Each structure stands twice: as structure tokens, then as C-alpha cells.
Amino acid sequence: MNESTRKTRLAQRGLTDYELRQQFERHSTEAQVRTVLRGMADFTVDSTRKIEELVKEIVTWVQQ
């Protein structure tokens, strides 16, 4: 997910405080999402698309 999309989504969830965002950055899952987890994934999505579209795509993939 690009930084702009990520910041927008955090703000939509009311996470506008810089320190709170930094807490998310330090979480081990967030640190691994661009490296370890991407390499392990069976399926990835384009996170710049609308969440509703992504849900449909993911559900379709799961049902295959």
C-alpha cells in the first residue's frame, strides 16, 4: 500500500495522531508486511483500490 493511501485510511478511522501512527509502524506485522509476508502470500491485492472492490475480489478468490 502506498503511503498516501495508508495515511488516508488511517485518518478515516480517526487515527490522526502522529504517535498513534508510529505505534502501528513499530508493530511487527506492519514491519513485515512489505517483506516477509508478501513473499509468503498466496494472493495479494492492489491496496490503492476501493475497499469494497477489494472485498469482492478477496471473497471471489477464497471461494475458488
N, C-alpha and C. Protein backbone atom coordinates (compact mmCIF):
# COMPACT_ATOMS: atom_id res chain seq x y z
N MET A 1 0.85 -1.16 0.00
CA MET A 1 0.00 0.00 0.00
C MET A 1 0.90 1.23 0.00
N ASN A 2 0.59 2.17 -0.88
CA ASN A 2 1.42 3.37 -0.89
C ASN A 2 1.11 4.23 0.33
N GLU A 3 2.03 5.10 0.67
CA GLU A 3 1.93 5.90 1.89
C GLU A 3 0.71 6.81 1.90
N SER A 4 0.37 7.38 0.77
CA SER A 4 -0.78 8.27 0.69
C SER A 4 -2.08 7.54 1.02
N THR A 5 -2.27 6.37 0.42
CA THR A 5 -3.47 5.57 0.68
C THR A 5 -3.52 5.15 2.14
N ARG A 6 -2.40 4.75 2.66
CA ARG A 6 -2.32 4.30 4.05
C ARG A 6 -2.70 5.41 5.01
N LYS A 7 -2.15 6.61 4.81
CA LYS A 7 -2.45 7.74 5.68
C LYS A 7 -3.92 8.14 5.58
N THR A 8 -4.47 8.10 4.38
CA THR A 8 -5.88 8.43 4.20
C THR A 8 -6.76 7.46 4.96
N ARG A 9 -6.46 6.17 4.86
CA ARG A 9 -7.28 5.16 5.54
C ARG A 9 -7.15 5.26 7.06
N LEU A 10 -5.95 5.56 7.55
CA LEU A 10 -5.79 5.75 8.99
C LEU A 10 -6.60 6.96 9.45
N ALA A 11 -6.56 8.04 8.69
CA ALA A 11 -7.31 9.24 9.04
C ALA A 11 -8.81 8.97 9.03
N GLN A 12 -9.28 8.16 8.07
CA GLN A 12 -10.69 7.81 8.01
C GLN A 12 -11.13 7.04 9.24
N ARG A 13 -10.20 6.37 9.86
CA ARG A 13 -10.51 5.61 11.08
C ARG A 13 -10.28 6.46 12.33
N GLY A 14 -9.98 7.74 12.13
CA GLY A 14 -9.77 8.63 13.26
C GLY A 14 -8.38 8.58 13.85
N LEU A 15 -7.46 7.99 13.16
CA LEU A 15 -6.09 7.87 13.65
C LEU A 15 -5.23 8.98 13.06
N THR A 16 -5.39 10.16 13.59
CA THR A 16 -4.66 11.30 13.05
C THR A 16 -3.46 11.68 13.90
N ASP A 17 -3.36 11.15 15.09
CA ASP A 17 -2.26 11.48 15.98
C ASP A 17 -0.97 10.81 15.50
N TYR A 18 0.08 11.59 15.37
CA TYR A 18 1.36 11.09 14.87
C TYR A 18 1.89 9.92 15.71
N GLU A 19 1.82 10.05 17.03
CA GLU A 19 2.34 8.99 17.89
C GLU A 19 1.58 7.68 17.71
N LEU A 20 0.27 7.78 17.54
CA LEU A 20 -0.52 6.58 17.33
C LEU A 20 -0.10 5.89 16.04
N ARG A 21 0.12 6.67 15.00
CA ARG A 21 0.59 6.10 13.73
C ARG A 21 1.95 5.44 13.91
N GLN A 22 2.80 6.05 14.71
CA GLN A 22 4.12 5.47 14.94
C GLN A 22 4.01 4.13 15.67
N GLN A 23 3.02 3.99 16.55
CA GLN A 23 2.80 2.71 17.22
C GLN A 23 2.49 1.62 16.20
N PHE A 24 1.67 1.94 15.22
CA PHE A 24 1.35 0.97 14.18
C PHE A 24 2.61 0.60 13.39
N GLU A 25 3.44 1.58 13.10
CA GLU A 25 4.66 1.33 12.33
C GLU A 25 5.59 0.37 13.05
N ARG A 26 5.62 0.45 14.36
CA ARG A 26 6.53 -0.40 15.14
C ARG A 26 6.00 -1.82 15.31
N HIS A 27 4.74 -2.04 15.04
CA HIS A 27 4.15 -3.38 15.20
C HIS A 27 4.84 -4.35 14.24
N SER A 28 5.16 -5.53 14.71
CA SER A 28 5.93 -6.49 13.90
C SER A 28 5.23 -6.85 12.59
N THR A 29 3.91 -6.95 12.60
CA THR A 29 3.19 -7.27 11.37
C THR A 29 3.35 -6.17 10.34
N GLU A 30 3.25 -4.93 10.76
CA GLU A 30 3.42 -3.80 9.84
C GLU A 30 4.84 -3.79 9.28
N ALA A 31 5.81 -4.12 10.11
CA ALA A 31 7.20 -4.14 9.65
C ALA A 31 7.43 -5.23 8.62
N GLN A 32 6.70 -6.34 8.74
CA GLN A 32 6.91 -7.48 7.85
C GLN A 32 6.02 -7.48 6.61
N VAL A 33 5.02 -6.63 6.59
CA VAL A 33 4.02 -6.70 5.52
C VAL A 33 4.63 -6.45 4.13
N ARG A 34 5.65 -5.64 4.04
CA ARG A 34 6.26 -5.34 2.73
C ARG A 34 7.38 -6.30 2.38
N THR A 35 7.76 -7.15 3.31
CA THR A 35 8.89 -8.04 3.06
C THR A 35 8.48 -9.50 3.22
N VAL A 36 8.54 -9.99 4.42
CA VAL A 36 8.31 -11.41 4.72
C VAL A 36 6.92 -11.87 4.29
N LEU A 37 5.90 -11.17 4.71
CA LEU A 37 4.53 -11.61 4.44
C LEU A 37 4.18 -11.59 2.96
N ARG A 38 4.66 -10.59 2.24
CA ARG A 38 4.38 -10.53 0.80
C ARG A 38 4.94 -11.76 0.09
N GLY A 39 6.10 -12.20 0.48
CA GLY A 39 6.70 -13.38 -0.12
C GLY A 39 5.98 -14.67 0.23
N MET A 40 5.28 -14.69 1.34
CA MET A 40 4.56 -15.88 1.79
C MET A 40 3.13 -15.93 1.26
N ALA A 41 2.64 -14.82 0.77
CA ALA A 41 1.22 -14.71 0.40
C ALA A 41 0.88 -15.55 -0.83
N ASP A 42 -0.27 -16.20 -0.78
CA ASP A 42 -0.81 -16.91 -1.94
C ASP A 42 -1.59 -15.95 -2.84
N PHE A 43 -1.98 -14.83 -2.29
CA PHE A 43 -2.83 -13.89 -3.01
C PHE A 43 -2.56 -12.49 -2.47
N THR A 44 -2.39 -11.54 -3.35
CA THR A 44 -2.22 -10.15 -2.95
C THR A 44 -3.20 -9.28 -3.73
N VAL A 45 -3.48 -8.10 -3.20
CA VAL A 45 -4.41 -7.17 -3.84
C VAL A 45 -3.75 -5.81 -3.98
N ASP A 46 -4.31 -5.01 -4.87
CA ASP A 46 -3.85 -3.65 -5.09
C ASP A 46 -4.54 -2.75 -4.06
N SER A 47 -3.82 -2.37 -3.04
CA SER A 47 -4.41 -1.64 -1.92
C SER A 47 -4.83 -0.22 -2.24
N THR A 48 -4.56 0.25 -3.43
CA THR A 48 -5.00 1.60 -3.80
C THR A 48 -6.44 1.61 -4.28
N ARG A 49 -7.01 0.42 -4.50
CA ARG A 49 -8.40 0.33 -4.95
C ARG A 49 -9.36 0.51 -3.78
N LYS A 50 -10.62 0.75 -4.07
CA LYS A 50 -11.63 0.93 -3.03
C LYS A 50 -11.78 -0.35 -2.22
N ILE A 51 -12.01 -0.18 -0.93
CA ILE A 51 -12.14 -1.33 -0.04
C ILE A 51 -13.25 -2.27 -0.50
N GLU A 52 -14.36 -1.72 -0.95
CA GLU A 52 -15.48 -2.56 -1.40
C GLU A 52 -15.06 -3.47 -2.56
N GLU A 53 -14.28 -2.93 -3.49
CA GLU A 53 -13.79 -3.72 -4.63
C GLU A 53 -12.85 -4.82 -4.15
N LEU A 54 -12.00 -4.47 -3.20
CA LEU A 54 -11.05 -5.45 -2.68
C LEU A 54 -11.77 -6.60 -1.97
N VAL A 55 -12.80 -6.27 -1.22
CA VAL A 55 -13.57 -7.31 -0.53
C VAL A 55 -14.16 -8.28 -1.54
N LYS A 56 -14.74 -7.77 -2.60
CA LYS A 56 -15.32 -8.64 -3.64
C LYS A 56 -14.24 -9.53 -4.26
N GLU A 57 -13.09 -8.94 -4.55
CA GLU A 57 -12.01 -9.70 -5.15
C GLU A 57 -11.51 -10.81 -4.21
N ILE A 58 -11.38 -10.47 -2.95
CA ILE A 58 -10.90 -11.44 -1.97
C ILE A 58 -11.91 -12.57 -1.78
N VAL A 59 -13.18 -12.22 -1.65
CA VAL A 59 -14.22 -13.24 -1.47
C VAL A 59 -14.26 -14.18 -2.67
N THR A 60 -14.15 -13.63 -3.86
CA THR A 60 -14.13 -14.46 -5.07
C THR A 60 -12.94 -15.41 -5.04
N TRP A 61 -11.79 -14.92 -4.65
CA TRP A 61 -10.59 -15.76 -4.59
C TRP A 61 -10.76 -16.88 -3.56
N VAL A 62 -11.30 -16.54 -2.39
CA VAL A 62 -11.48 -17.53 -1.33
C VAL A 62 -12.44 -18.62 -1.76
N GLN A 63 -13.46 -18.27 -2.51
CA GLN A 63 -14.48 -19.23 -2.91
C GLN A 63 -14.05 -20.14 -4.05
N GLN A 64 -12.92 -19.89 -4.65
CA GLN A 64 -12.44 -20.73 -5.76
C GLN A 64 -12.01 -22.09 -5.27
